[in-house]
Amino acid sequence: YVHGELFGVGGVTTVPDNPRGTRSKSIENRCLGKGQWNTYVVVCVD
C-alpha cells in the first residue's frame, strides 16, 4: 500500500494492473523509510 499504490479518485476510474479492490498495488516492496530519498518515474500515456 505504501510504495506507489495507484488509483482513480473523485469519479475518475481506472483498471488496475495489480488489483487491491479498485486500486493497484505494487508487486514488489522497493520503498525506503523516513529520512531516505525515494525516486518515482511516472510514465503517463493515453
PDB file of all heavy atoms in Angstrom:
ATOM      1  N   TYR A   1       0.822  -1.210   0.000  1.00  0.00           N
ATOM      2  CA  TYR A   1       0.000   0.000   0.000  1.00  0.00           C
ATOM      3  C   TYR A   1       0.853   1.256   0.000  1.00  0.00           C
ATOM      4  O   TYR A   1       0.470   2.271  -0.554  1.00  0.00           O
ATOM      5  CB  TYR A   1      -0.906  -0.017   1.241  1.00  0.00           C
ATOM      6  CG  TYR A   1      -1.898   1.115   1.296  1.00  0.00           C
ATOM      7  CD1 TYR A   1      -3.102   1.040   0.610  1.00  0.00           C
ATOM      8  CD2 TYR A   1      -1.637   2.260   2.027  1.00  0.00           C
ATOM      9  CE1 TYR A   1      -4.013   2.076   0.651  1.00  0.00           C
ATOM     10  CE2 TYR A   1      -2.543   3.301   2.090  1.00  0.00           C
ATOM     11  CZ  TYR A   1      -3.737   3.212   1.393  1.00  0.00           C
ATOM     12  OH  TYR A   1      -4.636   4.230   1.439  1.00  0.00           O
ATOM     13  N   VAL A   2       2.016   1.198   0.640  1.00  0.00           N
ATOM     14  CA  VAL A   2       2.757   2.438   0.856  1.00  0.00           C
ATOM     15  C   VAL A   2       3.612   2.850  -0.339  1.00  0.00           C
ATOM     16  O   VAL A   2       3.922   4.031  -0.492  1.00  0.00           O
ATOM     17  CB  VAL A   2       3.652   2.339   2.106  1.00  0.00           C
ATOM     18  CG1 VAL A   2       2.831   1.972   3.321  1.00  0.00           C
ATOM     19  CG2 VAL A   2       4.797   1.373   1.919  1.00  0.00           C
ATOM     20  N   HIS A   3       4.048   1.926  -1.132  1.00  0.00           N
ATOM     21  CA  HIS A   3       5.031   2.310  -2.139  1.00  0.00           C
ATOM     22  C   HIS A   3       4.408   2.341  -3.540  1.00  0.00           C
ATOM     23  O   HIS A   3       4.525   1.436  -4.335  1.00  0.00           O
ATOM     24  CB  HIS A   3       6.257   1.389  -2.099  1.00  0.00           C
ATOM     25  CG  HIS A   3       5.999  -0.044  -2.396  1.00  0.00           C
ATOM     26  ND1 HIS A   3       5.402  -0.884  -1.503  1.00  0.00           N
ATOM     27  CD2 HIS A   3       6.245  -0.796  -3.489  1.00  0.00           C
ATOM     28  CE1 HIS A   3       5.308  -2.084  -2.020  1.00  0.00           C
ATOM     29  NE2 HIS A   3       5.806  -2.063  -3.232  1.00  0.00           N
ATOM     30  N   GLY A   4       3.710   3.433  -3.770  1.00  0.00           N
ATOM     31  CA  GLY A   4       3.246   3.679  -5.125  1.00  0.00           C
ATOM     32  C   GLY A   4       1.946   3.040  -5.503  1.00  0.00           C
ATOM     33  O   GLY A   4       1.770   2.631  -6.654  1.00  0.00           O
ATOM     34  N   GLU A   5       0.998   2.944  -4.572  1.00  0.00           N
ATOM     35  CA  GLU A   5      -0.317   2.483  -4.994  1.00  0.00           C
ATOM     36  C   GLU A   5      -0.914   3.513  -5.949  1.00  0.00           C
ATOM     37  O   GLU A   5      -0.749   4.721  -5.777  1.00  0.00           O
ATOM     38  CB  GLU A   5      -1.234   2.296  -3.784  1.00  0.00           C
ATOM     39  CG  GLU A   5      -2.512   1.561  -4.140  1.00  0.00           C
ATOM     40  CD  GLU A   5      -3.273   1.072  -2.918  1.00  0.00           C
ATOM     41  OE1 GLU A   5      -3.512   1.871  -2.014  1.00  0.00           O
ATOM     42  OE2 GLU A   5      -3.617  -0.129  -2.892  1.00  0.00           O
ATOM     43  N   LEU A   6      -1.600   3.040  -6.976  1.00  0.00           N
ATOM     44  CA  LEU A   6      -2.218   3.895  -8.000  1.00  0.00           C
ATOM     45  C   LEU A   6      -3.721   3.692  -7.967  1.00  0.00           C
ATOM     46  O   LEU A   6      -4.203   2.569  -7.912  1.00  0.00           O
ATOM     47  CB  LEU A   6      -1.687   3.533  -9.396  1.00  0.00           C
ATOM     48  CG  LEU A   6      -0.176   3.639  -9.616  1.00  0.00           C
ATOM     49  CD1 LEU A   6       0.198   3.057 -10.981  1.00  0.00           C
ATOM     50  CD2 LEU A   6       0.288   5.077  -9.521  1.00  0.00           C
ATOM     51  N   PHE A   7      -4.471   4.806  -8.050  1.00  0.00           N
ATOM     52  CA  PHE A   7      -5.930   4.670  -8.022  1.00  0.00           C
ATOM     53  C   PHE A   7      -6.601   5.955  -8.500  1.00  0.00           C
ATOM     54  O   PHE A   7      -6.114   7.064  -8.278  1.00  0.00           O
ATOM     55  CB  PHE A   7      -6.427   4.304  -6.615  1.00  0.00           C
ATOM     56  CG  PHE A   7      -5.902   5.189  -5.505  1.00  0.00           C
ATOM     57  CD1 PHE A   7      -6.656   6.241  -5.025  1.00  0.00           C
ATOM     58  CD2 PHE A   7      -4.658   4.944  -4.937  1.00  0.00           C
ATOM     59  CE1 PHE A   7      -6.183   7.042  -4.002  1.00  0.00           C
ATOM     60  CE2 PHE A   7      -4.179   5.737  -3.914  1.00  0.00           C
ATOM     61  CZ  PHE A   7      -4.945   6.790  -3.444  1.00  0.00           C
ATOM     62  N   GLY A   8      -7.739   5.785  -9.146  1.00  0.00           N
ATOM     63  CA  GLY A   8      -8.545   6.912  -9.557  1.00  0.00           C
ATOM     64  C   GLY A   8      -9.326   7.461  -8.379  1.00  0.00           C
ATOM     65  O   GLY A   8      -9.770   6.704  -7.511  1.00  0.00           O
ATOM     66  N   VAL A   9      -9.489   8.781  -8.332  1.00  0.00           N
ATOM     67  CA  VAL A   9     -10.228   9.431  -7.255  1.00  0.00           C
ATOM     68  C   VAL A   9     -11.163  10.485  -7.844  1.00  0.00           C
ATOM     69  O   VAL A   9     -10.977  10.954  -8.969  1.00  0.00           O
ATOM     70  CB  VAL A   9      -9.284  10.088  -6.220  1.00  0.00           C
ATOM     71  CG1 VAL A   9      -8.536   9.048  -5.426  1.00  0.00           C
ATOM     72  CG2 VAL A   9      -8.301  11.027  -6.915  1.00  0.00           C
ATOM     73  N   GLY A  10     -12.187  10.853  -7.048  1.00  0.00           N
ATOM     74  CA  GLY A  10     -13.078  11.924  -7.461  1.00  0.00           C
ATOM     75  C   GLY A  10     -13.906  11.609  -8.685  1.00  0.00           C
ATOM     76  O   GLY A  10     -14.235  12.505  -9.466  1.00  0.00           O
ATOM     77  N   GLY A  11     -14.216  10.327  -8.880  1.00  0.00           N
ATOM     78  CA  GLY A  11     -15.008   9.933 -10.040  1.00  0.00           C
ATOM     79  C   GLY A  11     -14.198   9.448 -11.218  1.00  0.00           C
ATOM     80  O   GLY A  11     -14.760   8.921 -12.192  1.00  0.00           O
ATOM     81  N   VAL A  12     -12.873   9.606 -11.179  1.00  0.00           N
ATOM     82  CA  VAL A  12     -12.010   9.080 -12.242  1.00  0.00           C
ATOM     83  C   VAL A  12     -11.834   7.582 -12.025  1.00  0.00           C
ATOM     84  O   VAL A  12     -11.485   7.140 -10.927  1.00  0.00           O
ATOM     85  CB  VAL A  12     -10.643   9.787 -12.246  1.00  0.00           C
ATOM     86  CG1 VAL A  12      -9.698   9.140 -13.262  1.00  0.00           C
ATOM     87  CG2 VAL A  12     -10.821  11.272 -12.562  1.00  0.00           C
ATOM     88  N   THR A  13     -12.081   6.796 -13.050  1.00  0.00           N
ATOM     89  CA  THR A  13     -11.968   5.344 -12.951  1.00  0.00           C
ATOM     90  C   THR A  13     -10.760   4.841 -13.725  1.00  0.00           C
ATOM     91  O   THR A  13     -10.339   5.445 -14.716  1.00  0.00           O
ATOM     92  CB  THR A  13     -13.235   4.650 -13.478  1.00  0.00           C
ATOM     93  OG1 THR A  13     -13.422   4.986 -14.858  1.00  0.00           O
ATOM     94  CG2 THR A  13     -14.448   5.092 -12.677  1.00  0.00           C
ATOM     95  N   THR A  14     -10.207   3.718 -13.259  1.00  0.00           N
ATOM     96  CA  THR A  14      -9.066   3.086 -13.919  1.00  0.00           C
ATOM     97  C   THR A  14      -9.219   1.572 -13.833  1.00  0.00           C
ATOM     98  O   THR A  14     -10.020   1.059 -13.057  1.00  0.00           O
ATOM     99  CB  THR A  14      -7.734   3.487 -13.251  1.00  0.00           C
ATOM    100  OG1 THR A  14      -7.691   2.934 -11.932  1.00  0.00           O
ATOM    101  CG2 THR A  14      -7.560   5.004 -13.178  1.00  0.00           C
ATOM    102  N   VAL A  15      -8.403   0.859 -14.601  1.00  0.00           N
ATOM    103  CA  VAL A  15      -8.315  -0.601 -14.500  1.00  0.00           C
ATOM    104  C   VAL A  15      -6.945  -0.926 -13.896  1.00  0.00           C
ATOM    105  O   VAL A  15      -5.913  -0.622 -14.496  1.00  0.00           O
ATOM    106  CB  VAL A  15      -8.463  -1.273 -15.871  1.00  0.00           C
ATOM    107  CG1 VAL A  15      -8.240  -2.781 -15.753  1.00  0.00           C
ATOM    108  CG2 VAL A  15      -9.834  -0.975 -16.466  1.00  0.00           C
ATOM    109  N   PRO A  16      -6.899  -1.513 -12.685  1.00  0.00           N
ATOM    110  CA  PRO A  16      -5.613  -1.767 -12.019  1.00  0.00           C
ATOM    111  C   PRO A  16      -4.854  -2.938 -12.629  1.00  0.00           C
ATOM    112  O   PRO A  16      -5.445  -3.957 -12.985  1.00  0.00           O
ATOM    113  CB  PRO A  16      -6.023  -2.070 -10.574  1.00  0.00           C
ATOM    114  CG  PRO A  16      -7.416  -2.598 -10.678  1.00  0.00           C
ATOM    115  CD  PRO A  16      -8.050  -1.887 -11.846  1.00  0.00           C
ATOM    116  N   ASP A  17      -3.532  -2.797 -12.717  1.00  0.00           N
ATOM    117  CA  ASP A  17      -2.685  -3.921 -13.122  1.00  0.00           C
ATOM    118  C   ASP A  17      -2.650  -5.002 -12.044  1.00  0.00           C
ATOM    119  O   ASP A  17      -2.667  -6.198 -12.351  1.00  0.00           O
ATOM    120  CB  ASP A  17      -1.251  -3.444 -13.377  1.00  0.00           C
ATOM    121  CG  ASP A  17      -1.098  -2.684 -14.685  1.00  0.00           C
ATOM    122  OD1 ASP A  17      -2.119  -2.443 -15.357  1.00  0.00           O
ATOM    123  OD2 ASP A  17       0.050  -2.320 -15.026  1.00  0.00           O
ATOM    124  N   ASN A  18      -2.557  -4.554 -10.787  1.00  0.00           N
ATOM    125  CA  ASN A  18      -2.413  -5.466  -9.651  1.00  0.00           C
ATOM    126  C   ASN A  18      -3.503  -5.135  -8.631  1.00  0.00           C
ATOM    127  O   ASN A  18      -3.257  -4.407  -7.670  1.00  0.00           O
ATOM    128  CB  ASN A  18      -1.025  -5.305  -9.011  1.00  0.00           C
ATOM    129  CG  ASN A  18       0.087  -5.274 -10.049  1.00  0.00           C
ATOM    130  OD1 ASN A  18       0.236  -6.206 -10.824  1.00  0.00           O
ATOM    131  ND2 ASN A  18       0.856  -4.196 -10.063  1.00  0.00           N
ATOM    132  N   PRO A  19      -4.711  -5.639  -8.826  1.00  0.00           N
ATOM    133  CA  PRO A  19      -5.871  -5.145  -8.079  1.00  0.00           C
ATOM    134  C   PRO A  19      -5.783  -5.329  -6.564  1.00  0.00           C
ATOM    135  O   PRO A  19      -5.363  -6.370  -6.069  1.00  0.00           O
ATOM    136  CB  PRO A  19      -7.030  -5.976  -8.650  1.00  0.00           C
ATOM    137  CG  PRO A  19      -6.556  -6.436  -9.992  1.00  0.00           C
ATOM    138  CD  PRO A  19      -5.084  -6.648  -9.828  1.00  0.00           C
ATOM    139  N   ARG A  20      -6.142  -4.282  -5.866  1.00  0.00           N
ATOM    140  CA  ARG A  20      -6.484  -4.303  -4.453  1.00  0.00           C
ATOM    141  C   ARG A  20      -7.817  -3.567  -4.372  1.00  0.00           C
ATOM    142  O   ARG A  20      -7.864  -2.376  -4.117  1.00  0.00           O
ATOM    143  CB  ARG A  20      -5.419  -3.612  -3.605  1.00  0.00           C
ATOM    144  CG  ARG A  20      -5.607  -3.827  -2.093  1.00  0.00           C
ATOM    145  CD  ARG A  20      -4.523  -3.139  -1.285  1.00  0.00           C
ATOM    146  NE  ARG A  20      -4.774  -1.724  -1.163  1.00  0.00           N
ATOM    147  CZ  ARG A  20      -5.533  -1.157  -0.206  1.00  0.00           C
ATOM    148  NH1 ARG A  20      -6.147  -1.918   0.689  1.00  0.00           N
ATOM    149  NH2 ARG A  20      -5.686   0.153  -0.153  1.00  0.00           N
ATOM    150  N   GLY A  21      -8.881  -4.281  -4.682  1.00  0.00           N
ATOM    151  CA  GLY A  21     -10.152  -3.617  -4.936  1.00  0.00           C
ATOM    152  C   GLY A  21     -10.054  -2.863  -6.255  1.00  0.00           C
ATOM    153  O   GLY A  21      -9.614  -3.415  -7.272  1.00  0.00           O
ATOM    154  N   THR A  22     -10.430  -1.599  -6.241  1.00  0.00           N
ATOM    155  CA  THR A  22     -10.315  -0.763  -7.446  1.00  0.00           C
ATOM    156  C   THR A  22      -8.931  -0.145  -7.587  1.00  0.00           C
ATOM    157  O   THR A  22      -8.635   0.486  -8.602  1.00  0.00           O
ATOM    158  CB  THR A  22     -11.365   0.359  -7.426  1.00  0.00           C
ATOM    159  OG1 THR A  22     -11.168   1.175  -6.253  1.00  0.00           O
ATOM    160  CG2 THR A  22     -12.772  -0.209  -7.426  1.00  0.00           C
ATOM    161  N   ARG A  23      -8.096  -0.326  -6.577  1.00  0.00           N
ATOM    162  CA  ARG A  23      -6.747   0.249  -6.592  1.00  0.00           C
ATOM    163  C   ARG A  23      -5.740  -0.758  -7.134  1.00  0.00           C
ATOM    164  O   ARG A  23      -6.006  -1.945  -7.196  1.00  0.00           O
ATOM    165  CB  ARG A  23      -6.339   0.682  -5.177  1.00  0.00           C
ATOM    166  CG  ARG A  23      -7.263   1.722  -4.567  1.00  0.00           C
ATOM    167  CD  ARG A  23      -6.753   2.154  -3.215  1.00  0.00           C
ATOM    168  NE  ARG A  23      -7.567   3.229  -2.648  1.00  0.00           N
ATOM    169  CZ  ARG A  23      -7.117   4.127  -1.784  1.00  0.00           C
ATOM    170  NH1 ARG A  23      -5.864   4.081  -1.365  1.00  0.00           N
ATOM    171  NH2 ARG A  23      -7.920   5.068  -1.315  1.00  0.00           N
ATOM    172  N   SER A  24      -4.567  -0.231  -7.501  1.00  0.00           N
ATOM    173  CA  SER A  24      -3.496  -1.108  -7.963  1.00  0.00           C
ATOM    174  C   SER A  24      -2.312  -0.984  -7.021  1.00  0.00           C
ATOM    175  O   SER A  24      -1.825   0.123  -6.748  1.00  0.00           O
ATOM    176  CB  SER A  24      -3.070  -0.733  -9.392  1.00  0.00           C
ATOM    177  OG  SER A  24      -2.174  -1.700  -9.915  1.00  0.00           O
ATOM    178  N   LYS A  25      -1.836  -2.106  -6.496  1.00  0.00           N
ATOM    179  CA  LYS A  25      -0.726  -2.109  -5.554  1.00  0.00           C
ATOM    180  C   LYS A  25       0.557  -2.546  -6.264  1.00  0.00           C
ATOM    181  O   LYS A  25       0.525  -3.252  -7.274  1.00  0.00           O
ATOM    182  CB  LYS A  25      -1.015  -3.050  -4.390  1.00  0.00           C
ATOM    183  CG  LYS A  25      -1.081  -4.512  -4.804  1.00  0.00           C
ATOM    184  CD  LYS A  25      -1.501  -5.395  -3.658  1.00  0.00           C
ATOM    185  CE  LYS A  25      -1.509  -6.856  -4.108  1.00  0.00           C
ATOM    186  NZ  LYS A  25      -2.290  -7.728  -3.265  1.00  0.00           N
ATOM    187  N   SER A  26       1.679  -2.123  -5.729  1.00  0.00           N
ATOM    188  CA  SER A  26       2.964  -2.526  -6.285  1.00  0.00           C
ATOM    189  C   SER A  26       3.222  -4.007  -6.017  1.00  0.00           C
ATOM    190  O   SER A  26       2.804  -4.540  -4.989  1.00  0.00           O
ATOM    191  CB  SER A  26       4.085  -1.683  -5.692  1.00  0.00           C
ATOM    192  OG  SER A  26       3.914  -0.320  -6.006  1.00  0.00           O
ATOM    193  N   ILE A  27       3.912  -4.652  -6.927  1.00  0.00           N
ATOM    194  CA  ILE A  27       4.134  -6.096  -6.800  1.00  0.00           C
ATOM    195  C   ILE A  27       5.446  -6.418  -6.086  1.00  0.00           C
ATOM    196  O   ILE A  27       5.729  -7.584  -5.813  1.00  0.00           O
ATOM    197  CB  ILE A  27       4.129  -6.786  -8.182  1.00  0.00           C
ATOM    198  CG1 ILE A  27       5.181  -6.169  -9.112  1.00  0.00           C
ATOM    199  CG2 ILE A  27       2.749  -6.703  -8.802  1.00  0.00           C
ATOM    200  CD1 ILE A  27       5.307  -6.880 -10.444  1.00  0.00           C
ATOM    201  N   GLU A  28       6.235  -5.393  -5.768  1.00  0.00           N
ATOM    202  CA  GLU A  28       7.473  -5.606  -5.024  1.00  0.00           C
ATOM    203  C   GLU A  28       7.716  -4.392  -4.147  1.00  0.00           C
ATOM    204  O   GLU A  28       7.531  -3.258  -4.592  1.00  0.00           O
ATOM    205  CB  GLU A  28       8.646  -5.806  -5.985  1.00  0.00           C
ATOM    206  CG  GLU A  28       9.978  -6.080  -5.305  1.00  0.00           C
ATOM    207  CD  GLU A  28      11.096  -6.297  -6.309  1.00  0.00           C
ATOM    208  OE1 GLU A  28      10.920  -7.136  -7.216  1.00  0.00           O
ATOM    209  OE2 GLU A  28      12.152  -5.631  -6.180  1.00  0.00           O
ATOM    210  N   ASN A  29       8.111  -4.611  -2.900  1.00  0.00           N
ATOM    211  CA  ASN A  29       8.349  -3.521  -1.976  1.00  0.00           C
ATOM    212  C   ASN A  29       9.733  -2.925  -2.203  1.00  0.00           C
ATOM    213  O   ASN A  29      10.746  -3.553  -1.889  1.00  0.00           O
ATOM    214  CB  ASN A  29       8.225  -4.018  -0.528  1.00  0.00           C
ATOM    215  CG  ASN A  29       8.480  -2.897   0.470  1.00  0.00           C
ATOM    216  OD1 ASN A  29       8.368  -1.724   0.118  1.00  0.00           O
ATOM    217  ND2 ASN A  29       8.818  -3.253   1.690  1.00  0.00           N
ATOM    218  N   ARG A  30       9.779  -1.703  -2.725  1.00  0.00           N
ATOM    219  CA  ARG A  30      11.046  -1.039  -3.004  1.00  0.00           C
ATOM    220  C   ARG A  30      11.149   0.320  -2.307  1.00  0.00           C
ATOM    221  O   ARG A  30      12.127   1.034  -2.466  1.00  0.00           O
ATOM    222  CB  ARG A  30      11.211  -0.864  -4.513  1.00  0.00           C
ATOM    223  CG  ARG A  30      11.204  -2.177  -5.286  1.00  0.00           C
ATOM    224  CD  ARG A  30      11.501  -1.965  -6.752  1.00  0.00           C
ATOM    225  NE  ARG A  30      12.769  -1.301  -6.977  1.00  0.00           N
ATOM    226  CZ  ARG A  30      13.954  -1.909  -6.946  1.00  0.00           C
ATOM    227  NH1 ARG A  30      14.036  -3.205  -6.670  1.00  0.00           N
ATOM    228  NH2 ARG A  30      15.060  -1.223  -7.163  1.00  0.00           N
ATOM    229  N   CYS A  31      10.138   0.685  -1.545  1.00  0.00           N
ATOM    230  CA  CYS A  31      10.101   1.993  -0.902  1.00  0.00           C
ATOM    231  C   CYS A  31      11.039   2.034   0.301  1.00  0.00           C
ATOM    232  O   CYS A  31      11.169   1.056   1.046  1.00  0.00           O
ATOM    233  CB  CYS A  31       8.672   2.298  -0.477  1.00  0.00           C
ATOM    234  SG  CYS A  31       8.401   4.017  -0.009  1.00  0.00           S
ATOM    235  N   LEU A  32      11.688   3.189   0.527  1.00  0.00           N
ATOM    236  CA  LEU A  32      12.567   3.394   1.663  1.00  0.00           C
ATOM    237  C   LEU A  32      11.863   4.246   2.712  1.00  0.00           C
ATOM    238  O   LEU A  32      10.968   5.027   2.401  1.00  0.00           O
ATOM    239  CB  LEU A  32      13.865   4.075   1.217  1.00  0.00           C
ATOM    240  CG  LEU A  32      14.656   3.334   0.136  1.00  0.00           C
ATOM    241  CD1 LEU A  32      15.864   4.150  -0.296  1.00  0.00           C
ATOM    242  CD2 LEU A  32      15.089   1.955   0.627  1.00  0.00           C
ATOM    243  N   GLY A  33      12.280   4.126   3.965  1.00  0.00           N
ATOM    244  CA  GLY A  33      11.604   4.775   5.077  1.00  0.00           C
ATOM    245  C   GLY A  33      11.971   6.227   5.279  1.00  0.00           C
ATOM    246  O   GLY A  33      12.669   6.849   4.465  1.00  0.00           O
ATOM    247  N   LYS A  34      11.509   6.794   6.388  1.00  0.00           N
ATOM    248  CA  LYS A  34      11.653   8.230   6.659  1.00  0.00           C
ATOM    249  C   LYS A  34      13.114   8.662   6.619  1.00  0.00           C
ATOM    250  O   LYS A  34      14.017   7.920   7.013  1.00  0.00           O
ATOM    251  CB  LYS A  34      11.035   8.580   8.014  1.00  0.00           C
ATOM    252  CG  LYS A  34      11.777   8.022   9.217  1.00  0.00           C
ATOM    253  CD  LYS A  34      11.156   8.528  10.522  1.00  0.00           C
ATOM    254  CE  LYS A  34      11.958   8.037  11.726  1.00  0.00           C
ATOM    255  NZ  LYS A  34      11.426   8.557  12.992  1.00  0.00           N
ATOM    256  N   GLY A  35      13.312   9.866   6.104  1.00  0.00           N
ATOM    257  CA  GLY A  35      14.651  10.426   6.001  1.00  0.00           C
ATOM    258  C   GLY A  35      15.457   9.931   4.823  1.00  0.00           C
ATOM    259  O   GLY A  35      16.596  10.371   4.613  1.00  0.00           O
ATOM    260  N   GLN A  36      14.891   9.015   4.017  1.00  0.00           N
ATOM    261  CA  GLN A  36      15.594   8.476   2.858  1.00  0.00           C
ATOM    262  C   GLN A  36      14.860   8.862   1.573  1.00  0.00           C
ATOM    263  O   GLN A  36      13.629   8.818   1.513  1.00  0.00           O
ATOM    264  CB  GLN A  36      15.686   6.949   2.951  1.00  0.00           C
ATOM    265  CG  GLN A  36      16.397   6.451   4.188  1.00  0.00           C
ATOM    266  CD  GLN A  36      16.478   4.943   4.230  1.00  0.00           C
ATOM    267  OE1 GLN A  36      17.325   4.313   3.590  1.00  0.00           O
ATOM    268  NE2 GLN A  36      15.585   4.332   4.999  1.00  0.00           N
ATOM    269  N   TRP A  37      15.628   9.195   0.560  1.00  0.00           N
ATOM    270  CA  TRP A  37      15.040   9.628  -0.700  1.00  0.00           C
ATOM    271  C   TRP A  37      14.518   8.443  -1.506  1.00  0.00           C
ATOM    272  O   TRP A  37      15.185   7.415  -1.617  1.00  0.00           O
ATOM    273  CB  TRP A  37      16.068  10.386  -1.544  1.00  0.00           C
ATOM    274  CG  TRP A  37      16.360  11.756  -1.020  1.00  0.00           C
ATOM    275  CD1 TRP A  37      17.468  12.162  -0.340  1.00  0.00           C
ATOM    276  CD2 TRP A  37      15.519  12.903  -1.139  1.00  0.00           C
ATOM    277  NE1 TRP A  37      17.377  13.485  -0.015  1.00  0.00           N
ATOM    278  CE2 TRP A  37      16.187  13.975  -0.495  1.00  0.00           C
ATOM    279  CE3 TRP A  37      14.276  13.147  -1.713  1.00  0.00           C
ATOM    280  CZ2 TRP A  37      15.653  15.269  -0.420  1.00  0.00           C
ATOM    281  CZ3 TRP A  37      13.738  14.430  -1.641  1.00  0.00           C
ATOM    282  CH2 TRP A  37      14.419  15.467  -1.007  1.00  0.00           C
ATOM    283  N   ASN A  38      13.321   8.611  -2.039  1.00  0.00           N
ATOM    284  CA  ASN A  38      12.734   7.661  -2.987  1.00  0.00           C
ATOM    285  C   ASN A  38      12.622   8.321  -4.357  1.00  0.00           C
ATOM    286  O   ASN A  38      12.377   9.529  -4.455  1.00  0.00           O
ATOM    287  CB  ASN A  38      11.341   7.236  -2.522  1.00  0.00           C
ATOM    288  CG  ASN A  38      11.385   6.371  -1.286  1.00  0.00           C
ATOM    289  OD1 ASN A  38      11.684   5.187  -1.347  1.00  0.00           O
ATOM    290  ND2 ASN A  38      11.097   6.973  -0.121  1.00  0.00           N
ATOM    291  N   THR A  39      12.770   7.526  -5.390  1.00  0.00           N
ATOM    292  CA  THR A  39      12.672   8.021  -6.761  1.00  0.00           C
ATOM    293  C   THR A  39      11.500   7.372  -7.469  1.00  0.00           C
ATOM    294  O   THR A  39      11.406   6.137  -7.528  1.00  0.00           O
ATOM    295  CB  THR A  39      13.965   7.720  -7.550  1.00  0.00           C
ATOM    296  OG1 THR A  39      15.060   8.407  -6.936  1.00  0.00           O
ATOM    297  CG2 THR A  39      13.826   8.180  -8.991  1.00  0.00           C
ATOM    298  N   TYR A  40      10.599   8.194  -7.983  1.00  0.00           N
ATOM    299  CA  TYR A  40       9.487   7.731  -8.806  1.00  0.00           C
ATOM    300  C   TYR A  40       9.699   8.188 -10.245  1.00  0.00           C
ATOM    301  O   TYR A  40      10.027   9.349 -10.490  1.00  0.00           O
ATOM    302  CB  TYR A  40       8.160   8.319  -8.320  1.00  0.00           C
ATOM    303  CG  TYR A  40       7.488   7.616  -7.166  1.00  0.00           C
ATOM    304  CD1 TYR A  40       8.100   6.561  -6.483  1.00  0.00           C
ATOM    305  CD2 TYR A  40       6.225   8.015  -6.738  1.00  0.00           C
ATOM    306  CE1 TYR A  40       7.475   5.932  -5.426  1.00  0.00           C
ATOM    307  CE2 TYR A  40       5.589   7.394  -5.675  1.00  0.00           C
ATOM    308  CZ  TYR A  40       6.211   6.358  -5.027  1.00  0.00           C
ATOM    309  OH  TYR A  40       5.593   5.730  -3.963  1.00  0.00           O
ATOM    310  N   VAL A  41       9.486   7.274 -11.170  1.00  0.00           N
ATOM    311  CA  VAL A  41       9.337   7.618 -12.583  1.00  0.00           C
ATOM    312  C   VAL A  41       7.917   7.227 -12.962  1.00  0.00           C
ATOM    313  O   VAL A  41       7.556   6.045 -12.891  1.00  0.00           O
ATOM    314  CB  VAL A  41      10.367   6.887 -13.468  1.00  0.00           C
ATOM    315  CG1 VAL A  41      10.137   7.251 -14.940  1.00  0.00           C
ATOM    316  CG2 VAL A  41      11.789   7.248 -13.044  1.00  0.00           C
ATOM    317  N   VAL A  42       7.116   8.213 -13.345  1.00  0.00           N
ATOM    318  CA  VAL A  42       5.708   8.004 -13.641  1.00  0.00           C
ATOM    319  C   VAL A  42       5.503   8.244 -15.136  1.00  0.00           C
ATOM    320  O   VAL A  42       5.632   9.373 -15.608  1.00  0.00           O
ATOM    321  CB  VAL A  42       4.816   8.961 -12.827  1.00  0.00           C
ATOM    322  CG1 VAL A  42       3.352   8.588 -12.972  1.00  0.00           C
ATOM    323  CG2 VAL A  42       5.222   8.968 -11.355  1.00  0.00           C
ATOM    324  N   VAL A  43       5.220   7.182 -15.879  1.00  0.00           N
ATOM    325  CA  VAL A  43       5.035   7.275 -17.331  1.00  0.00           C
ATOM    326  C   VAL A  43       3.530   7.261 -17.616  1.00  0.00           C
ATOM    327  O   VAL A  43       2.845   6.278 -17.308  1.00  0.00           O
ATOM    328  CB  VAL A  43       5.730   6.108 -18.060  1.00  0.00           C
ATOM    329  CG1 VAL A  43       5.557   6.243 -19.573  1.00  0.00           C
ATOM    330  CG2 VAL A  43       7.219   6.063 -17.691  1.00  0.00           C
ATOM    331  N   CYS A  44       3.045   8.354 -18.177  1.00  0.00           N
ATOM    332  CA  CYS A  44       1.606   8.526 -18.428  1.00  0.00           C
ATOM    333  C   CYS A  44       1.372   8.676 -19.926  1.00  0.00           C
ATOM    334  O   CYS A  44       1.784   9.679 -20.518  1.00  0.00           O
ATOM    335  CB  CYS A  44       1.087   9.764 -17.702  1.00  0.00           C
ATOM    336  SG  CYS A  44       1.388   9.783 -15.927  1.00  0.00           S
ATOM    337  N   VAL A  45       0.710   7.697 -20.542  1.00  0.00           N
ATOM    338  CA  VAL A  45       0.478   7.712 -21.986  1.00  0.00           C
ATOM    339  C   VAL A  45      -0.906   7.164 -22.296  1.00  0.00           C
ATOM    340  O   VAL A  45      -1.212   5.998 -21.984  1.00  0.00           O
ATOM    341  CB  VAL A  45       1.550   6.890 -22.748  1.00  0.00           C
ATOM    342  CG1 VAL A  45       1.240   6.882 -24.241  1.00  0.00           C
ATOM    343  CG2 VAL A  45       2.944   7.447 -22.503  1.00  0.00           C
ATOM    344  N   ASP A  46      -1.756   7.997 -22.882  1.00  0.00           N
ATOM    345  CA  ASP A  46      -3.042   7.541 -23.416  1.00  0.00           C
ATOM    346  C   ASP A  46      -3.872   6.751 -22.407  1.00  0.00           C
ATOM    347  O   ASP A  46      -4.387   5.680 -22.717  1.00  0.00           O
ATOM    348  CB  ASP A  46      -2.811   6.716 -24.685  1.00  0.00           C
ATOM    349  CG  ASP A  46      -4.098   6.559 -25.510  1.00  0.00           C
ATOM    350  OD1 ASP A  46      -4.960   7.444 -25.412  1.00  0.00           O
ATOM    351  OD2 ASP A  46      -4.229   5.553 -26.234  1.00  0.00           O
TER     352      ASP A  46
END
